[in-house]
Amino acid sequence: MGRADTGTTGAAGAGGLQHWHVTDLHEDGSPLRPGRRRGAPYWQRHRCFFLLGLLGLLACWPGALPDAAESGSTAVYELRPIGWVRKADGKTTIEIEERYGPALLGVGELDSIWVLYWFDRNDTPEQRSVLQVHPRRNPDNPIRGVFATRAPVRPNLIALSRCRVLAVHGTTIEIDGIDAFPDSPVLDIKP
């Protein structure tokens, strides 16, 4: 019995076309039914499901996997900009990277969008450690936690603005305005 790693192959059967990614072959080159290997025990033929089940049990077992807070580590996530805020000649636009162009299908039909962007000019350990502020930087306002304000200083510097869509030209979205600095990185756009 041979093995061919040729990508998706199919065999027509009574139930229609069947697809599998790795095909086990008889000596004559005809395919075995998907998931079947001669002489292999059940758990080996279905080891993917066996391992997923075992991992699921471990994850549910009390104390089996260390909690992030207990181990002293914090999960780290990586974000990459999908575009940039541009301001020139009295116009405000969001330039989306070419590779994300297909994701703009339908955006021109929307009245407005939510733009998530990064407060990149506040990205310092000192600015990220500020947890309480006077709203609108006015000392007459009572001090509040940053999660109760729209302050640009916060542990994660994600900003959110609702913008009216004026037009979409290729990978450029023309908007009515945004409270972001020019060249601020855009993280996501939502309707």
N, C-alpha and C. Protein backbone atom coordinates (compact mmCIF):
# COMPACT_ATOMS: atom_id res chain seq x y z
N MET A 1 0.85 -1.17 0.00
CA MET A 1 0.00 0.00 0.00
C MET A 1 0.89 1.23 0.00
N GLY A 2 0.65 2.17 -0.90
CA GLY A 2 1.43 3.39 -0.99
C GLY A 2 0.68 4.56 -0.40
N ARG A 3 1.35 5.71 -0.34
CA ARG A 3 0.73 6.91 0.21
C ARG A 3 1.03 8.06 -0.74
N ALA A 4 0.00 8.84 -1.09
CA ALA A 4 0.17 9.99 -1.97
C ALA A 4 -0.31 11.23 -1.26
N ASP A 5 0.56 12.20 -1.13
CA ASP A 5 0.19 13.48 -0.51
C ASP A 5 0.00 14.48 -1.63
N THR A 6 -1.09 14.34 -2.36
CA THR A 6 -1.27 15.14 -3.56
C THR A 6 -2.31 16.22 -3.41
N GLY A 7 -2.70 16.55 -2.20
CA GLY A 7 -3.72 17.58 -2.02
C GLY A 7 -5.10 16.96 -2.01
N THR A 8 -6.09 17.72 -2.37
CA THR A 8 -7.46 17.24 -2.34
C THR A 8 -7.71 16.33 -3.52
N THR A 9 -8.20 15.14 -3.19
CA THR A 9 -8.57 14.19 -4.22
C THR A 9 -9.99 13.76 -3.94
N GLY A 10 -10.61 13.16 -4.86
CA GLY A 10 -11.99 12.76 -4.61
C GLY A 10 -12.30 11.44 -5.25
N ALA A 11 -13.34 10.79 -4.75
CA ALA A 11 -13.81 9.55 -5.33
C ALA A 11 -15.32 9.61 -5.33
N ALA A 12 -15.92 9.35 -6.46
CA ALA A 12 -17.38 9.39 -6.53
C ALA A 12 -17.92 8.13 -5.91
N GLY A 13 -18.93 8.26 -5.09
CA GLY A 13 -19.56 7.12 -4.46
C GLY A 13 -21.06 7.31 -4.51
N ALA A 14 -21.77 6.42 -3.81
CA ALA A 14 -23.23 6.52 -3.81
C ALA A 14 -23.68 7.83 -3.20
N GLY A 15 -22.91 8.36 -2.24
CA GLY A 15 -23.28 9.61 -1.58
C GLY A 15 -22.77 10.83 -2.32
N GLY A 16 -22.18 10.68 -3.48
CA GLY A 16 -21.66 11.82 -4.21
C GLY A 16 -20.15 11.87 -4.13
N LEU A 17 -19.58 13.05 -4.28
CA LEU A 17 -18.13 13.24 -4.29
C LEU A 17 -17.61 13.32 -2.87
N GLN A 18 -16.61 12.52 -2.54
CA GLN A 18 -15.99 12.57 -1.22
C GLN A 18 -14.63 13.22 -1.37
N HIS A 19 -14.25 14.04 -0.38
CA HIS A 19 -12.95 14.72 -0.43
C HIS A 19 -12.13 14.34 0.78
N TRP A 20 -10.85 14.15 0.58
CA TRP A 20 -9.91 13.97 1.65
C TRP A 20 -8.59 14.54 1.22
N HIS A 21 -7.73 14.91 2.17
CA HIS A 21 -6.49 15.60 1.84
C HIS A 21 -5.32 14.66 1.61
N VAL A 22 -5.25 13.60 2.35
CA VAL A 22 -4.17 12.64 2.17
C VAL A 22 -4.83 11.32 1.84
N THR A 23 -4.44 10.70 0.77
CA THR A 23 -5.10 9.50 0.30
C THR A 23 -4.18 8.30 0.49
N ASP A 24 -4.70 7.24 1.13
CA ASP A 24 -3.98 5.98 1.19
C ASP A 24 -4.34 5.19 -0.06
N LEU A 25 -3.35 4.59 -0.67
CA LEU A 25 -3.56 3.90 -1.94
C LEU A 25 -3.25 2.42 -1.81
N HIS A 26 -3.99 1.61 -2.56
CA HIS A 26 -3.63 0.21 -2.73
C HIS A 26 -2.40 0.17 -3.63
N GLU A 27 -1.81 -1.04 -3.75
CA GLU A 27 -0.64 -1.19 -4.61
C GLU A 27 -0.95 -0.79 -6.06
N ASP A 28 -2.20 -1.01 -6.50
CA ASP A 28 -2.56 -0.69 -7.89
C ASP A 28 -2.88 0.79 -8.08
N GLY A 29 -2.79 1.62 -7.02
CA GLY A 29 -3.03 3.05 -7.12
C GLY A 29 -4.46 3.47 -6.84
N SER A 30 -5.35 2.52 -6.61
CA SER A 30 -6.73 2.89 -6.31
C SER A 30 -6.82 3.32 -4.85
N PRO A 31 -7.66 4.33 -4.56
CA PRO A 31 -7.71 4.87 -3.19
C PRO A 31 -8.49 3.98 -2.23
N LEU A 32 -8.00 3.94 -1.00
CA LEU A 32 -8.78 3.33 0.08
C LEU A 32 -9.82 4.35 0.50
N ARG A 33 -10.82 3.92 1.23
CA ARG A 33 -11.81 4.86 1.73
C ARG A 33 -11.11 5.80 2.72
N PRO A 34 -11.51 7.08 2.79
CA PRO A 34 -10.86 8.05 3.68
C PRO A 34 -10.92 7.57 5.13
N GLY A 35 -9.80 7.77 5.84
CA GLY A 35 -9.74 7.44 7.26
C GLY A 35 -9.48 5.98 7.54
N ARG A 36 -9.36 5.14 6.49
CA ARG A 36 -9.14 3.71 6.70
C ARG A 36 -7.71 3.35 6.37
N ARG A 37 -7.08 2.64 7.27
CA ARG A 37 -5.76 2.08 7.01
C ARG A 37 -5.81 0.64 7.43
N ARG A 38 -5.35 -0.24 6.56
CA ARG A 38 -5.41 -1.66 6.88
C ARG A 38 -4.56 -1.99 8.09
N GLY A 39 -5.16 -2.72 9.04
CA GLY A 39 -4.42 -3.22 10.18
C GLY A 39 -4.17 -2.22 11.28
N ALA A 40 -4.47 -0.96 11.10
CA ALA A 40 -4.22 0.04 12.14
C ALA A 40 -5.33 -0.01 13.18
N PRO A 41 -4.97 0.06 14.48
CA PRO A 41 -6.00 0.08 15.52
C PRO A 41 -6.88 1.33 15.39
N TYR A 42 -8.06 1.24 15.98
CA TYR A 42 -9.05 2.32 15.89
C TYR A 42 -8.45 3.66 16.33
N TRP A 43 -7.74 3.68 17.47
CA TRP A 43 -7.23 4.96 17.99
C TRP A 43 -6.19 5.56 17.06
N GLN A 44 -5.44 4.73 16.30
CA GLN A 44 -4.47 5.27 15.35
C GLN A 44 -5.17 5.84 14.12
N ARG A 45 -6.24 5.16 13.67
CA ARG A 45 -6.97 5.66 12.51
C ARG A 45 -7.66 6.99 12.84
N HIS A 46 -8.00 7.19 14.09
CA HIS A 46 -8.72 8.39 14.51
C HIS A 46 -7.92 9.17 15.55
N ARG A 47 -6.60 9.16 15.40
CA ARG A 47 -5.74 9.79 16.42
C ARG A 47 -5.98 11.29 16.54
N CYS A 48 -6.38 11.95 15.46
CA CYS A 48 -6.67 13.38 15.53
C CYS A 48 -7.77 13.64 16.54
N PHE A 49 -8.87 12.87 16.45
CA PHE A 49 -9.98 13.05 17.37
C PHE A 49 -9.59 12.61 18.77
N PHE A 50 -8.77 11.55 18.87
CA PHE A 50 -8.30 11.07 20.16
C PHE A 50 -7.49 12.15 20.88
N LEU A 51 -6.56 12.79 20.14
CA LEU A 51 -5.72 13.82 20.74
C LEU A 51 -6.53 15.07 21.10
N LEU A 52 -7.47 15.46 20.26
CA LEU A 52 -8.33 16.61 20.58
C LEU A 52 -9.14 16.35 21.84
N GLY A 53 -9.68 15.14 21.97
CA GLY A 53 -10.44 14.79 23.17
C GLY A 53 -9.56 14.81 24.40
N LEU A 54 -8.33 14.28 24.29
CA LEU A 54 -7.41 14.28 25.41
C LEU A 54 -7.04 15.70 25.83
N LEU A 55 -6.79 16.57 24.86
CA LEU A 55 -6.50 17.97 25.17
C LEU A 55 -7.70 18.64 25.84
N GLY A 56 -8.90 18.33 25.37
CA GLY A 56 -10.11 18.89 25.98
C GLY A 56 -10.25 18.47 27.43
N LEU A 57 -9.95 17.20 27.73
CA LEU A 57 -10.01 16.73 29.12
C LEU A 57 -8.97 17.44 29.98
N LEU A 58 -7.77 17.59 29.45
CA LEU A 58 -6.72 18.29 30.21
C LEU A 58 -7.10 19.73 30.50
N ALA A 59 -7.71 20.40 29.50
CA ALA A 59 -8.08 21.80 29.69
C ALA A 59 -9.16 21.96 30.74
N CYS A 60 -10.03 20.95 30.87
CA CYS A 60 -11.12 21.03 31.85
C CYS A 60 -10.71 20.53 33.24
N TRP A 61 -9.63 19.78 33.32
CA TRP A 61 -9.20 19.21 34.59
C TRP A 61 -8.76 20.31 35.54
N PRO A 62 -9.30 20.36 36.77
CA PRO A 62 -8.93 21.44 37.70
C PRO A 62 -7.44 21.46 37.97
N GLY A 63 -6.83 22.59 37.72
CA GLY A 63 -5.40 22.78 38.00
C GLY A 63 -4.49 22.13 36.99
N ALA A 64 -5.03 21.54 35.91
CA ALA A 64 -4.18 20.86 34.93
C ALA A 64 -3.34 21.86 34.14
N LEU A 65 -3.95 22.96 33.73
CA LEU A 65 -3.22 23.97 32.99
C LEU A 65 -3.10 25.22 33.86
N PRO A 66 -1.90 25.81 33.97
CA PRO A 66 -1.74 26.98 34.83
C PRO A 66 -2.52 28.18 34.31
N ASP A 67 -3.15 28.90 35.21
CA ASP A 67 -3.86 30.13 34.86
C ASP A 67 -2.82 31.21 34.62
N ALA A 68 -3.10 32.13 33.69
CA ALA A 68 -2.15 33.21 33.37
C ALA A 68 -1.86 34.05 34.60
N ALA A 69 -2.87 34.30 35.43
CA ALA A 69 -2.66 35.11 36.63
C ALA A 69 -1.79 34.38 37.64
N GLU A 70 -1.97 33.04 37.76
CA GLU A 70 -1.18 32.27 38.71
C GLU A 70 0.28 32.17 38.29
N SER A 71 0.52 32.05 36.99
CA SER A 71 1.89 31.88 36.53
C SER A 71 2.66 33.20 36.45
N GLY A 72 1.94 34.32 36.62
CA GLY A 72 2.60 35.62 36.57
C GLY A 72 2.79 36.13 35.15
N SER A 73 2.38 35.36 34.17
CA SER A 73 2.53 35.81 32.78
C SER A 73 1.22 36.41 32.30
N THR A 74 1.32 37.24 31.31
CA THR A 74 0.16 37.85 30.69
C THR A 74 0.19 37.51 29.21
N ALA A 75 -0.96 37.17 28.68
CA ALA A 75 -1.03 36.87 27.25
C ALA A 75 -0.69 38.12 26.45
N VAL A 76 0.00 37.93 25.36
CA VAL A 76 0.39 39.04 24.49
C VAL A 76 -0.22 38.78 23.13
N TYR A 77 -0.86 39.81 22.57
CA TYR A 77 -1.48 39.71 21.26
C TYR A 77 -0.78 40.68 20.32
N GLU A 78 -0.68 40.27 19.07
CA GLU A 78 -0.01 41.10 18.09
C GLU A 78 -1.04 41.67 17.12
N LEU A 79 -1.02 42.98 16.94
CA LEU A 79 -1.93 43.64 16.00
C LEU A 79 -1.10 44.28 14.90
N ARG A 80 -1.63 44.24 13.69
CA ARG A 80 -0.97 44.89 12.57
C ARG A 80 -1.96 45.84 11.92
N PRO A 81 -1.53 47.04 11.56
CA PRO A 81 -2.45 47.98 10.92
C PRO A 81 -2.97 47.46 9.59
N ILE A 82 -4.23 47.79 9.31
CA ILE A 82 -4.80 47.48 8.00
C ILE A 82 -4.73 48.70 7.10
N GLY A 83 -4.40 49.86 7.70
CA GLY A 83 -4.33 51.09 6.93
C GLY A 83 -3.91 52.25 7.81
N TRP A 84 -4.08 53.47 7.29
CA TRP A 84 -3.60 54.67 7.97
C TRP A 84 -4.57 55.82 7.78
N VAL A 85 -4.70 56.66 8.79
CA VAL A 85 -5.51 57.88 8.67
C VAL A 85 -4.66 58.90 7.93
N ARG A 86 -5.26 59.55 6.92
CA ARG A 86 -4.57 60.60 6.17
C ARG A 86 -5.42 61.86 6.20
N LYS A 87 -4.75 62.99 6.38
CA LYS A 87 -5.42 64.29 6.37
C LYS A 87 -4.61 65.23 5.49
N ALA A 88 -5.25 65.72 4.42
CA ALA A 88 -4.57 66.64 3.49
C ALA A 88 -5.62 67.39 2.68
N ASP A 89 -5.33 68.64 2.39
CA ASP A 89 -6.18 69.49 1.55
C ASP A 89 -7.62 69.54 2.05
N GLY A 90 -7.82 69.57 3.37
CA GLY A 90 -9.15 69.65 3.94
C GLY A 90 -9.95 68.35 3.86
N LYS A 91 -9.33 67.26 3.42
CA LYS A 91 -10.01 65.96 3.33
C LYS A 91 -9.41 65.00 4.33
N THR A 92 -10.26 64.14 4.86
CA THR A 92 -9.81 63.07 5.75
C THR A 92 -10.12 61.75 5.07
N THR A 93 -9.10 60.90 4.98
CA THR A 93 -9.28 59.59 4.34
C THR A 93 -8.62 58.51 5.18
N ILE A 94 -9.04 57.31 4.90
CA ILE A 94 -8.37 56.14 5.47
C ILE A 94 -7.83 55.36 4.29
N GLU A 95 -6.51 55.22 4.22
CA GLU A 95 -5.88 54.45 3.16
C GLU A 95 -5.67 53.03 3.66
N ILE A 96 -6.32 52.10 3.01
CA ILE A 96 -6.23 50.69 3.37
C ILE A 96 -5.11 50.05 2.56
N GLU A 97 -4.36 49.15 3.17
CA GLU A 97 -3.31 48.45 2.43
C GLU A 97 -3.92 47.63 1.30
N GLU A 98 -3.21 47.56 0.20
CA GLU A 98 -3.71 46.89 -1.01
C GLU A 98 -4.20 45.47 -0.73
N ARG A 99 -3.48 44.72 0.11
CA ARG A 99 -3.85 43.32 0.33
C ARG A 99 -5.22 43.18 1.01
N TYR A 100 -5.71 44.26 1.65
CA TYR A 100 -7.03 44.23 2.29
C TYR A 100 -8.10 44.86 1.42
N GLY A 101 -7.77 45.22 0.20
CA GLY A 101 -8.73 45.84 -0.72
C GLY A 101 -10.03 45.06 -0.89
N PRO A 102 -9.98 43.72 -1.06
CA PRO A 102 -11.22 42.96 -1.22
C PRO A 102 -12.17 43.10 -0.02
N ALA A 103 -11.66 43.41 1.15
CA ALA A 103 -12.50 43.55 2.34
C ALA A 103 -13.35 44.82 2.30
N LEU A 104 -13.08 45.71 1.36
CA LEU A 104 -13.84 46.96 1.25
C LEU A 104 -15.13 46.81 0.45
N LEU A 105 -15.37 45.64 -0.11
CA LEU A 105 -16.58 45.42 -0.89
C LEU A 105 -17.81 45.72 -0.03
N GLY A 106 -18.62 46.68 -0.45
CA GLY A 106 -19.83 47.05 0.27
C GLY A 106 -19.68 48.23 1.20
N VAL A 107 -18.46 48.64 1.51
CA VAL A 107 -18.25 49.77 2.42
C VAL A 107 -18.81 51.06 1.83
N GLY A 108 -18.71 51.23 0.52
CA GLY A 108 -19.23 52.43 -0.12
C GLY A 108 -20.73 52.59 0.00
N GLU A 109 -21.43 51.50 0.28
CA GLU A 109 -22.89 51.55 0.43
C GLU A 109 -23.32 51.90 1.86
N LEU A 110 -22.37 51.93 2.79
CA LEU A 110 -22.70 52.23 4.18
C LEU A 110 -22.79 53.73 4.41
N ASP A 111 -23.64 54.12 5.36
CA ASP A 111 -23.72 55.53 5.74
C ASP A 111 -22.54 55.91 6.63
N SER A 112 -22.20 55.00 7.55
CA SER A 112 -21.11 55.30 8.48
C SER A 112 -20.40 54.01 8.88
N ILE A 113 -19.21 54.17 9.44
CA ILE A 113 -18.41 53.04 9.89
C ILE A 113 -17.80 53.37 11.25
N TRP A 114 -17.48 52.34 12.00
CA TRP A 114 -16.68 52.48 13.22
C TRP A 114 -15.24 52.22 12.82
N VAL A 115 -14.35 53.12 13.19
CA VAL A 115 -12.93 52.98 12.88
C VAL A 115 -12.19 52.75 14.20
N LEU A 116 -11.50 51.62 14.28
CA LEU A 116 -10.66 51.33 15.44
C LEU A 116 -9.23 51.64 15.04
N TYR A 117 -8.59 52.48 15.81
CA TYR A 117 -7.22 52.86 15.49
C TYR A 117 -6.39 52.89 16.76
N TRP A 118 -5.09 53.09 16.61
CA TRP A 118 -4.14 53.01 17.72
C TRP A 118 -3.68 54.42 18.09
N PHE A 119 -3.75 54.74 19.39
CA PHE A 119 -3.20 56.00 19.89
C PHE A 119 -1.68 55.88 19.92
N ASP A 120 -1.06 55.87 18.75
CA ASP A 120 0.37 55.57 18.67
C ASP A 120 1.26 56.63 19.31
N ARG A 121 0.79 57.84 19.43
CA ARG A 121 1.63 58.89 20.02
C ARG A 121 1.65 58.83 21.54
N ASN A 122 0.83 57.98 22.13
CA ASN A 122 0.83 57.78 23.58
C ASN A 122 1.42 56.43 23.96
N ASP A 123 2.07 55.78 23.02
CA ASP A 123 2.56 54.42 23.26
C ASP A 123 3.90 54.41 23.99
N THR A 124 3.83 54.76 25.28
CA THR A 124 5.01 54.69 26.15
C THR A 124 4.59 53.99 27.44
N PRO A 125 5.51 53.38 28.15
CA PRO A 125 5.15 52.73 29.42
C PRO A 125 4.51 53.70 30.41
N GLU A 126 4.96 54.94 30.42
CA GLU A 126 4.39 55.94 31.34
C GLU A 126 2.93 56.23 31.00
N GLN A 127 2.64 56.44 29.71
CA GLN A 127 1.27 56.75 29.30
C GLN A 127 0.34 55.54 29.50
N ARG A 128 0.87 54.34 29.29
CA ARG A 128 0.05 53.14 29.47
C ARG A 128 -0.23 52.85 30.95
N SER A 129 0.58 53.40 31.84
CA SER A 129 0.38 53.13 33.27
C SER A 129 -0.61 54.10 33.92
N VAL A 130 -1.03 55.14 33.22
CA VAL A 130 -2.01 56.09 33.76
C VAL A 130 -3.37 55.39 33.79
N LEU A 131 -3.97 55.29 34.99
CA LEU A 131 -5.24 54.60 35.14
C LEU A 131 -6.39 55.51 35.55
N GLN A 132 -6.06 56.73 36.00
CA GLN A 132 -7.11 57.68 36.40
C GLN A 132 -6.78 59.06 35.83
N VAL A 133 -7.82 59.76 35.38
CA VAL A 133 -7.64 61.07 34.76
C VAL A 133 -8.81 61.98 35.13
N HIS A 134 -8.59 63.26 34.91
CA HIS A 134 -9.70 64.22 34.94
C HIS A 134 -10.28 64.22 33.54
N PRO A 135 -11.58 63.89 33.35
CA PRO A 135 -12.14 63.87 31.99
C PRO A 135 -11.91 65.19 31.26
N ARG A 136 -11.57 65.07 30.02
CA ARG A 136 -11.29 66.19 29.11
C ARG A 136 -10.14 67.06 29.61
N ARG A 137 -9.28 66.45 30.44
CA ARG A 137 -8.10 67.14 31.02
C ARG A 137 -8.48 68.41 31.78
N ASN A 138 -9.69 68.41 32.30
CA ASN A 138 -10.19 69.56 33.05
C ASN A 138 -10.14 69.23 34.54
N PRO A 139 -9.30 69.92 35.33
CA PRO A 139 -9.20 69.61 36.76
C PRO A 139 -10.49 69.88 37.54
N ASP A 140 -11.43 70.62 36.95
CA ASP A 140 -12.72 70.83 37.60
C ASP A 140 -13.60 69.58 37.55
N ASN A 141 -13.32 68.68 36.58
CA ASN A 141 -14.06 67.42 36.50
C ASN A 141 -13.50 66.44 37.53
N PRO A 142 -14.36 65.70 38.21
CA PRO A 142 -13.86 64.73 39.21
C PRO A 142 -13.03 63.64 38.53
N ILE A 143 -12.03 63.17 39.24
CA ILE A 143 -11.13 62.14 38.70
C ILE A 143 -11.92 60.85 38.47
N ARG A 144 -11.61 60.19 37.36
CA ARG A 144 -12.30 58.94 37.00
C ARG A 144 -11.29 57.95 36.46
N GLY A 145 -11.66 56.68 36.47
CA GLY A 145 -10.83 55.65 35.85
C GLY A 145 -10.88 55.77 34.35
N VAL A 146 -9.79 55.43 33.68
CA VAL A 146 -9.73 55.60 32.23
C VAL A 146 -10.80 54.77 31.50
N PHE A 147 -11.27 53.68 32.11
CA PHE A 147 -12.30 52.88 31.46
C PHE A 147 -13.66 53.58 31.49
N ALA A 148 -13.78 54.63 32.26
CA ALA A 148 -15.02 55.42 32.31
C ALA A 148 -14.88 56.71 31.51
N THR A 149 -13.82 56.83 30.72
CA THR A 149 -13.57 58.03 29.93
C THR A 149 -13.13 57.64 28.52
N ARG A 150 -12.98 58.65 27.69
CA ARG A 150 -12.43 58.44 26.34
C ARG A 150 -10.99 58.94 26.26
N ALA A 151 -10.31 58.93 27.38
CA ALA A 151 -8.94 59.44 27.45
C ALA A 151 -8.01 58.64 26.55
N PRO A 152 -7.06 59.32 25.89
CA PRO A 152 -6.11 58.61 25.02
C PRO A 152 -5.00 57.89 25.77
N VAL A 153 -4.94 58.05 27.08
CA VAL A 153 -3.97 57.29 27.89
C VAL A 153 -4.74 56.14 28.53
N ARG A 154 -4.23 54.94 28.35
CA ARG A 154 -4.90 53.74 28.86
C ARG A 154 -3.96 52.55 28.68
N PRO A 155 -4.24 51.43 29.33
CA PRO A 155 -3.34 50.27 29.20
C PRO A 155 -3.19 49.77 27.76
N ASN A 156 -4.31 49.68 27.03
CA ASN A 156 -4.28 49.31 25.61
C ASN A 156 -4.82 50.50 24.83
N LEU A 157 -4.03 50.99 23.93
CA LEU A 157 -4.28 52.29 23.30
C LEU A 157 -5.20 52.21 22.09
N ILE A 158 -6.29 51.46 22.23
CA ILE A 158 -7.24 51.31 21.13
C ILE A 158 -8.25 52.45 21.18
N ALA A 159 -8.43 53.12 20.06
CA ALA A 159 -9.39 54.22 19.94
C ALA A 159 -10.52 53.80 19.02
N LEU A 160 -11.67 54.45 19.20
CA LEU A 160 -12.86 54.12 18.43
C LEU A 160 -13.57 55.40 18.03
N SER A 161 -13.86 55.55 16.74
CA SER A 161 -14.58 56.74 16.24
C SER A 161 -15.61 56.30 15.22
N ARG A 162 -16.78 56.94 15.29
CA ARG A 162 -17.83 56.73 14.30
C ARG A 162 -17.63 57.77 13.21
N CYS A 163 -17.53 57.34 11.96
CA CYS A 163 -17.25 58.25 10.85
C CYS A 163 -18.28 58.05 9.74
N ARG A 164 -18.69 59.15 9.13
CA ARG A 164 -19.61 59.08 8.00
C ARG A 164 -18.80 58.80 6.73
N VAL A 165 -19.25 57.83 5.95
CA VAL A 165 -18.57 57.47 4.70
C VAL A 165 -19.06 58.41 3.61
N LEU A 166 -18.12 59.12 2.98
CA LEU A 166 -18.46 60.02 1.88
C LEU A 166 -18.28 59.33 0.53
N ALA A 167 -17.21 58.54 0.40
CA ALA A 167 -16.94 57.83 -0.86
C ALA A 167 -15.86 56.80 -0.62
N VAL A 168 -15.80 55.84 -1.53
CA VAL A 168 -14.72 54.85 -1.53
C VAL A 168 -14.13 54.84 -2.93
N HIS A 169 -12.82 55.08 -3.01
CA HIS A 169 -12.09 55.09 -4.28
C HIS A 169 -10.95 54.09 -4.17
N GLY A 170 -11.12 52.93 -4.79
CA GLY A 170 -10.09 51.89 -4.71
C GLY A 170 -9.93 51.43 -3.27
N THR A 171 -8.76 51.68 -2.69
CA THR A 171 -8.51 51.29 -1.30
C THR A 171 -8.50 52.51 -0.37
N THR A 172 -9.12 53.59 -0.80
CA THR A 172 -9.19 54.81 0.01
C THR A 172 -10.64 55.10 0.37
N ILE A 173 -10.89 55.26 1.66
CA ILE A 173 -12.22 55.60 2.15
C ILE A 173 -12.20 57.07 2.54
N GLU A 174 -13.03 57.87 1.91
CA GLU A 174 -13.14 59.28 2.27
C GLU A 174 -14.21 59.40 3.35
N ILE A 175 -13.84 60.03 4.48
CA ILE A 175 -14.76 60.17 5.61
C ILE A 175 -14.93 61.63 5.97
N ASP A 176 -15.95 61.93 6.79
CA ASP A 176 -16.22 63.32 7.15
C ASP A 176 -15.21 63.87 8.15
N GLY A 177 -14.55 63.04 8.89
CA GLY A 177 -13.55 63.47 9.87
C GLY A 177 -13.35 62.38 10.91
N ILE A 178 -12.28 62.53 11.67
CA ILE A 178 -11.97 61.58 12.73
C ILE A 178 -11.08 62.28 13.74
N ASP A 179 -11.26 61.94 15.02
CA ASP A 179 -10.43 62.58 16.05
C ASP A 179 -9.12 61.82 16.24
N ALA A 180 -8.43 61.59 15.14
CA ALA A 180 -7.13 60.92 15.15
C ALA A 180 -6.11 61.83 14.49
N PHE A 181 -4.86 61.66 14.88
CA PHE A 181 -3.79 62.40 14.23
C PHE A 181 -3.56 61.84 12.83
N PRO A 182 -3.03 62.65 11.93
CA PRO A 182 -2.65 62.10 10.61
C PRO A 182 -1.62 60.98 10.80
N ASP A 183 -1.71 59.98 9.97
CA ASP A 183 -0.82 58.83 9.97
C ASP A 183 -1.03 57.88 11.16
N SER A 184 -2.16 58.02 11.87
CA SER A 184 -2.46 57.05 12.93
C SER A 184 -2.77 55.70 12.29
N PRO A 185 -2.27 54.61 12.87
CA PRO A 185 -2.55 53.29 12.30
C PRO A 185 -3.99 52.85 12.56
N VAL A 186 -4.65 52.36 11.52
CA VAL A 186 -6.02 51.85 11.62
C VAL A 186 -5.95 50.35 11.84
N LEU A 187 -6.67 49.87 12.86
CA LEU A 187 -6.65 48.45 13.22
C LEU A 187 -7.78 47.67 12.58
N ASP A 188 -8.96 48.29 12.48
CA ASP A 188 -10.12 47.59 11.94
C ASP A 188 -11.20 48.60 11.58
N ILE A 189 -12.13 48.14 10.77
CA ILE A 189 -13.29 48.94 10.38
C ILE A 189 -14.51 48.04 10.51
N LYS A 190 -15.57 48.58 11.11
CA LYS A 190 -16.79 47.82 11.29
C LYS A 190 -17.99 48.67 10.89
N PRO A 191 -19.07 48.05 10.40
CA PRO A 191 -20.25 48.81 10.00
C PRO A 191 -21.01 49.36 11.20
